[in-house]
Amino acid sequence: MRNKILSNANVAYFSLLLSFGAVLFSGIQAFESHSQLLFTVKPSITFVTEDDPDDPLVSTIGIEINNSGPAPALIKSIIYYVDGKAVGNPRSVIKAGKLNPDKTTYVEFEEGDSLAVGESNWLLRHYKKGRENHKELRDFITFIDDHLSIEVNFCSLTGTCWTKCSTRGGCNKSAEVG
């Protein structure tokens, strides 16, 4: 009788252990599925700086934002920094950088605007046009390379949000460099 009770207790412990293992395995699978879902809906935001004035194939000098996918990005905010200090909008950047407002163009994003997969926009640019003031062009290049940083706060369609900065150490400390 005593052996039968011990045998039943062992079966109960084994069943309990097996149930715990199944719950643990299910939890790991749910976590992995969630991680895979986030991977498939996370926008891939990057900044591209075009700053070679001598490249004949390049007609624009500036900094561009693009989304290489696999999902659209919902823009929460874009913050411009000049020498580490937030300056507001692109007009303030042009003023702070002493750039020619007649030759410098920009695109402004508002909260809720989206950047589709494969979409690119020049945040700040200067068109190269044949004969032009090379000092002005070099000043623009020096400004975007050495003084300008851009931070974008964006979200996926699922509501998960990220922050990216165009330069290392040029934006707030929590921003990834991209």
Protein backbone atom coordinates (compact mmCIF):
# COMPACT_ATOMS: atom_id res chain seq x y z
CA MET A 1 0.00 0.00 0.00
CA ARG A 2 2.80 2.33 0.93
CA ASN A 3 4.57 1.68 -2.41
CA LYS A 4 1.34 2.45 -4.25
CA ILE A 5 1.06 5.84 -2.46
CA LEU A 6 4.69 6.66 -3.31
CA SER A 7 4.12 5.60 -6.88
CA ASN A 8 1.02 7.84 -7.14
CA ALA A 9 2.99 10.76 -5.63
CA ASN A 10 5.79 10.24 -8.15
CA VAL A 11 3.28 10.22 -11.00
CA ALA A 12 1.73 13.42 -9.63
CA TYR A 13 5.14 15.14 -9.32
CA PHE A 14 6.11 14.00 -12.80
CA SER A 15 2.80 15.31 -14.19
CA LEU A 16 3.29 18.62 -12.41
CA LEU A 17 6.84 18.93 -13.78
CA LEU A 18 5.68 18.07 -17.29
CA SER A 19 2.88 20.69 -17.06
CA PHE A 20 5.34 23.33 -15.88
CA GLY A 21 7.64 22.49 -18.81
CA ALA A 22 4.74 22.83 -21.27
CA VAL A 23 3.77 26.24 -19.83
CA LEU A 24 7.39 27.40 -20.02
CA PHE A 25 7.73 26.20 -23.61
CA SER A 26 4.46 27.95 -24.59
CA GLY A 27 5.67 31.19 -23.01
CA ILE A 28 8.94 31.05 -24.94
CA GLN A 29 7.05 30.42 -28.18
CA ALA A 30 4.74 33.39 -27.51
CA PHE A 31 7.75 35.63 -26.81
CA GLU A 32 9.49 34.50 -30.03
CA SER A 33 6.32 35.08 -32.05
CA HIS A 34 5.98 38.58 -30.61
CA SER A 35 9.64 39.33 -31.39
CA GLN A 36 9.20 38.14 -34.98
CA LEU A 37 6.07 40.28 -35.37
CA LEU A 38 7.96 43.37 -34.15
CA PHE A 39 10.76 42.62 -36.60
CA THR A 40 8.34 42.50 -39.53
CA VAL A 41 6.64 45.81 -38.65
CA LYS A 42 9.64 47.93 -37.56
CA PRO A 43 10.43 50.72 -40.00
CA SER A 44 14.10 51.08 -40.92
CA ILE A 45 14.86 54.80 -40.78
CA THR A 46 18.28 56.02 -41.92
CA PHE A 47 19.89 59.33 -42.76
CA VAL A 48 21.95 59.84 -45.90
CA THR A 49 24.32 62.78 -46.19
CA GLU A 50 25.36 63.73 -49.72
CA ASP A 51 28.33 66.04 -49.44
CA ASP A 52 30.57 65.54 -52.48
CA PRO A 53 30.49 68.76 -54.50
CA ASP A 54 32.78 67.30 -57.18
CA ASP A 55 30.63 64.30 -58.09
CA PRO A 56 29.11 65.13 -61.49
CA LEU A 57 26.29 62.63 -60.96
CA VAL A 58 25.08 64.41 -57.83
CA SER A 59 22.87 67.46 -58.30
CA THR A 60 21.91 67.88 -54.64
CA ILE A 61 23.98 68.34 -51.51
CA GLY A 62 22.23 67.80 -48.19
CA ILE A 63 20.82 65.37 -45.68
CA GLU A 64 18.04 62.97 -46.53
CA ILE A 65 15.83 60.71 -44.41
CA ASN A 66 14.65 57.40 -45.81
CA ASN A 67 12.71 54.34 -44.79
CA SER A 68 14.01 51.10 -46.22
CA GLY A 69 11.19 49.13 -44.62
CA PRO A 70 9.74 46.65 -44.07
CA ALA A 71 6.92 48.84 -42.72
CA PRO A 72 5.84 52.49 -42.87
CA ALA A 73 7.04 54.92 -40.21
CA LEU A 74 4.73 57.34 -38.42
CA ILE A 75 6.68 60.48 -37.61
CA LYS A 76 6.21 61.78 -34.06
CA SER A 77 8.78 64.58 -34.26
CA ILE A 78 11.94 65.77 -35.97
CA ILE A 79 14.32 67.86 -33.90
CA TYR A 80 17.21 69.77 -35.44
CA TYR A 81 20.40 70.36 -33.45
CA VAL A 82 23.14 72.85 -34.30
CA ASP A 83 26.32 72.22 -32.32
CA GLY A 84 24.33 70.08 -29.88
CA LYS A 85 21.65 72.68 -29.20
CA ALA A 86 18.03 72.10 -30.33
CA VAL A 87 17.03 74.89 -32.71
CA GLY A 88 13.48 74.01 -33.77
CA ASN A 89 12.48 73.94 -37.42
CA PRO A 90 14.47 74.03 -40.70
CA ARG A 91 14.08 77.82 -41.00
CA SER A 92 15.87 78.15 -37.66
CA VAL A 93 18.58 75.80 -38.93
CA ILE A 94 19.12 77.95 -42.03
CA LYS A 95 19.38 81.04 -39.84
CA ALA A 96 21.69 79.40 -37.27
CA GLY A 97 23.95 78.04 -40.02
CA LYS A 98 23.98 81.35 -41.88
CA LEU A 99 22.91 79.48 -45.02
CA ASN A 100 21.52 81.16 -48.12
CA PRO A 101 17.71 80.81 -47.77
CA ASP A 102 17.30 81.26 -51.54
CA LYS A 103 19.41 78.18 -52.29
CA THR A 104 18.54 75.98 -49.32
CA THR A 105 15.31 74.01 -49.43
CA TYR A 106 13.76 71.68 -46.88
CA VAL A 107 10.84 69.41 -46.11
CA GLU A 108 8.99 69.75 -42.82
CA PHE A 109 7.24 66.83 -41.18
CA GLU A 110 4.41 67.25 -38.72
CA GLU A 111 3.37 64.80 -36.04
CA GLY A 112 1.41 61.98 -37.65
CA ASP A 113 2.99 62.32 -41.09
CA SER A 114 4.19 59.02 -42.51
CA LEU A 115 7.23 57.84 -44.40
CA ALA A 116 6.31 54.92 -46.63
CA VAL A 117 8.57 51.94 -47.32
CA GLY A 118 11.16 53.05 -49.87
CA GLU A 119 10.29 56.74 -49.46
CA SER A 120 13.03 59.37 -49.09
CA ASN A 121 12.84 63.09 -48.38
CA TRP A 122 15.56 65.73 -48.32
CA LEU A 123 15.32 67.34 -44.88
CA LEU A 124 17.78 70.06 -45.89
CA ARG A 125 19.38 70.48 -49.31
CA HIS A 126 21.28 72.76 -51.63
CA TYR A 127 21.00 72.25 -55.40
CA LYS A 128 24.23 72.27 -57.37
CA LYS A 129 23.80 74.36 -60.52
CA GLY A 130 26.73 74.60 -62.90
CA ARG A 131 28.57 77.79 -62.02
CA GLU A 132 27.92 78.79 -58.49
CA ASN A 133 29.54 80.27 -55.46
CA HIS A 134 31.89 77.47 -54.35
CA LYS A 135 32.54 79.10 -50.98
CA GLU A 136 28.80 79.08 -50.27
CA LEU A 137 28.59 75.41 -51.27
CA ARG A 138 31.61 74.48 -49.13
CA ASP A 139 30.13 76.39 -46.16
CA PHE A 140 26.88 74.43 -46.57
CA ILE A 141 28.81 71.12 -46.66
CA THR A 142 30.88 72.05 -43.61
CA PHE A 143 27.69 72.99 -41.76
CA ILE A 144 25.84 69.71 -42.46
CA ASP A 145 28.96 67.61 -41.81
CA ASP A 146 30.27 69.31 -38.67
CA HIS A 147 27.45 71.23 -37.01
CA LEU A 148 24.05 69.72 -37.89
CA SER A 149 22.38 66.72 -36.25
CA ILE A 150 18.81 65.61 -36.80
CA GLU A 151 16.78 63.44 -34.44
CA VAL A 152 13.63 61.67 -35.58
CA ASN A 153 11.10 60.08 -33.25
CA PHE A 154 8.99 57.55 -35.16
CA CYS A 155 6.58 54.71 -34.52
CA SER A 156 5.44 51.57 -36.28
CA LEU A 157 1.79 50.95 -37.06
CA THR A 158 1.63 48.79 -33.90
CA GLY A 159 2.51 51.82 -31.75
CA THR A 160 6.05 50.82 -30.80
CA CYS A 161 8.32 53.87 -31.05
CA TRP A 162 12.04 54.53 -31.57
CA THR A 163 14.41 57.50 -31.78
CA LYS A 164 17.24 57.84 -34.31
CA CYS A 165 19.93 60.50 -34.66
CA SER A 166 21.85 61.41 -37.81
CA THR A 167 25.17 61.71 -35.94
CA ARG A 168 26.76 60.08 -32.92
CA GLY A 169 26.52 62.32 -29.88
CA GLY A 170 24.71 65.11 -31.72
CA CYS A 171 21.21 64.53 -30.33
CA ASN A 172 19.71 63.49 -27.01
CA LYS A 173 21.51 60.60 -25.34
CA SER A 174 18.77 57.98 -25.85
CA ALA A 175 18.76 58.22 -29.65
CA GLU A 176 20.23 55.44 -31.80
CA VAL A 177 22.62 56.56 -34.51
CA GLY A 178 21.32 55.94 -38.00
